Amino acid sequence: MAEAAALKGKLGRVSCSIPPEGGGEVLIEVRGGAEAFTAYPAEPKSIATGRTVVVVEQLSPRSVLVTPYWTEGE
């Protein structure tokens, strides 16, 4: 299990779209590999597959709260 403090602020990629009021899936690099976590949006907006997100909070050992990660030009 990834440590909660270690996941906060990490970037991940949405592997299964995240609906506004439900869970999707993100892949986050931990311990030298990518692990899948159930992801919920920090704001009630959908997040598309392939989008880069940042972990705002770890809700449980396998679920996280995320928000889209914006880069210059987006």
Foldseek 3Di string as FASTA:
>chain_A
DDDFVVQAFFKWFFQFKEALPGWGWTWTDDPNRTDIAIEHEPHSHIDDGGFMWGFHGAPDPRYTYIYGDDDPPD
